[in-house]
């Protein structure tokens, strides 16, 4: 299970009232190998608030098998 502290989470408003979050791993540049690292991903569903988007991001990170 991945830890949220290993990711940078940025929320953004797609449309008025629709929020998503982008999660990017915090990795030192020397450890990134071509094709072996996730560069980032966005929550699959829209959320009704910024707080809900953060909750969805944390849930998505916990579901990763790292």
C-alpha atoms as a PDB file:
ATOM      1  CA  UNK A   1       0.000   0.000   0.000  1.00  0.00           C
ATOM      2  CA  UNK A   2       1.405   3.394  -1.006  1.00  0.00           C
ATOM      3  CA  UNK A   3       1.615   6.349   1.399  1.00  0.00           C
ATOM      4  CA  UNK A   4       0.038   9.728   0.626  1.00  0.00           C
ATOM      5  CA  UNK A   5       3.170  11.445   1.973  1.00  0.00           C
ATOM      6  CA  UNK A   6       5.087  10.050  -1.024  1.00  0.00           C
ATOM      7  CA  UNK A   7       2.856  11.973  -3.461  1.00  0.00           C
ATOM      8  CA  UNK A   8       2.235  15.618  -4.313  1.00  0.00           C
ATOM      9  CA  UNK A   9      -1.522  16.221  -4.599  1.00  0.00           C
ATOM     10  CA  UNK A  10      -2.865  19.169  -6.592  1.00  0.00           C
ATOM     11  CA  UNK A  11      -6.607  19.801  -6.848  1.00  0.00           C
ATOM     12  CA  UNK A  12      -8.169  21.653  -9.760  1.00  0.00           C
ATOM     13  CA  UNK A  13     -11.642  22.699 -10.811  1.00  0.00           C
ATOM     14  CA  UNK A  14     -12.604  21.245 -14.201  1.00  0.00           C
ATOM     15  CA  UNK A  15     -15.887  23.150 -14.374  1.00  0.00           C
ATOM     16  CA  UNK A  16     -17.819  25.115 -11.752  1.00  0.00           C
ATOM     17  CA  UNK A  17     -18.613  22.572  -9.043  1.00  0.00           C
ATOM     18  CA  UNK A  18     -16.544  19.708 -10.512  1.00  0.00           C
ATOM     19  CA  UNK A  19     -13.182  19.014  -8.877  1.00  0.00           C
ATOM     20  CA  UNK A  20     -10.421  16.474  -9.542  1.00  0.00           C
ATOM     21  CA  UNK A  21      -7.003  15.848  -8.073  1.00  0.00           C
ATOM     22  CA  UNK A  22      -3.675  15.079  -9.707  1.00  0.00           C
ATOM     23  CA  UNK A  23      -1.221  12.844  -7.834  1.00  0.00           C
ATOM     24  CA  UNK A  24       2.481  12.852  -8.728  1.00  0.00           C
ATOM     25  CA  UNK A  25       5.071  10.717  -6.923  1.00  0.00           C
ATOM     26  CA  UNK A  26       7.766  12.645  -5.082  1.00  0.00           C
ATOM     27  CA  UNK A  27      10.867  10.880  -6.403  1.00  0.00           C
ATOM     28  CA  UNK A  28      14.443  12.125  -6.580  1.00  0.00           C
ATOM     29  CA  UNK A  29      15.363  12.566 -10.285  1.00  0.00           C
ATOM     30  CA  UNK A  30      18.248  10.072 -10.072  1.00  0.00           C
ATOM     31  CA  UNK A  31      15.892   7.190  -9.238  1.00  0.00           C
ATOM     32  CA  UNK A  32      13.582   7.612 -12.233  1.00  0.00           C
ATOM     33  CA  UNK A  33      14.235   5.071 -14.967  1.00  0.00           C
ATOM     34  CA  UNK A  34      12.688   5.244 -18.392  1.00  0.00           C
ATOM     35  CA  UNK A  35       9.386   3.378 -18.390  1.00  0.00           C
ATOM     36  CA  UNK A  36       9.684   2.266 -14.759  1.00  0.00           C
ATOM     37  CA  UNK A  37       8.019   5.198 -12.979  1.00  0.00           C
ATOM     38  CA  UNK A  38       4.520   6.600 -12.868  1.00  0.00           C
ATOM     39  CA  UNK A  39       4.709  10.274 -13.756  1.00  0.00           C
ATOM     40  CA  UNK A  40       1.311  11.092 -12.272  1.00  0.00           C
ATOM     41  CA  UNK A  41      -2.373  10.365 -12.537  1.00  0.00           C
ATOM     42  CA  UNK A  42      -5.734  12.056 -12.032  1.00  0.00           C
ATOM     43  CA  UNK A  43      -8.706  10.869 -10.000  1.00  0.00           C
ATOM     44  CA  UNK A  44     -11.174   8.967 -12.160  1.00  0.00           C
ATOM     45  CA  UNK A  45     -14.363  10.687 -10.996  1.00  0.00           C
ATOM     46  CA  UNK A  46     -15.373  14.311 -10.548  1.00  0.00           C
ATOM     47  CA  UNK A  47     -15.931  15.456  -6.958  1.00  0.00           C
ATOM     48  CA  UNK A  48     -18.384  18.075  -5.725  1.00  0.00           C
ATOM     49  CA  UNK A  49     -15.814  19.938  -3.620  1.00  0.00           C
ATOM     50  CA  UNK A  50     -12.065  20.408  -3.305  1.00  0.00           C
ATOM     51  CA  UNK A  51     -12.104  18.472  -0.029  1.00  0.00           C
ATOM     52  CA  UNK A  52     -13.886  15.535  -1.683  1.00  0.00           C
ATOM     53  CA  UNK A  53     -11.250  15.551  -4.442  1.00  0.00           C
ATOM     54  CA  UNK A  54      -8.486  15.324  -1.801  1.00  0.00           C
ATOM     55  CA  UNK A  55     -10.275  12.415  -0.131  1.00  0.00           C
ATOM     56  CA  UNK A  56     -10.595  10.642  -3.499  1.00  0.00           C
ATOM     57  CA  UNK A  57      -6.887  11.244  -4.173  1.00  0.00           C
ATOM     58  CA  UNK A  58      -5.866   9.747  -0.833  1.00  0.00           C
ATOM     59  CA  UNK A  59      -8.133   6.746  -1.462  1.00  0.00           C
ATOM     60  CA  UNK A  60      -6.589   6.205  -4.932  1.00  0.00           C
ATOM     61  CA  UNK A  61      -3.056   6.394  -3.509  1.00  0.00           C
ATOM     62  CA  UNK A  62      -3.845   3.831  -0.784  1.00  0.00           C
ATOM     63  CA  UNK A  63      -5.114   1.422  -3.469  1.00  0.00           C
ATOM     64  CA  UNK A  64      -1.797   1.452  -5.350  1.00  0.00           C
ATOM     65  CA  UNK A  65       0.389  -1.639  -5.068  1.00  0.00           C
ATOM     66  CA  UNK A  66       3.846  -0.159  -4.821  1.00  0.00           C
END
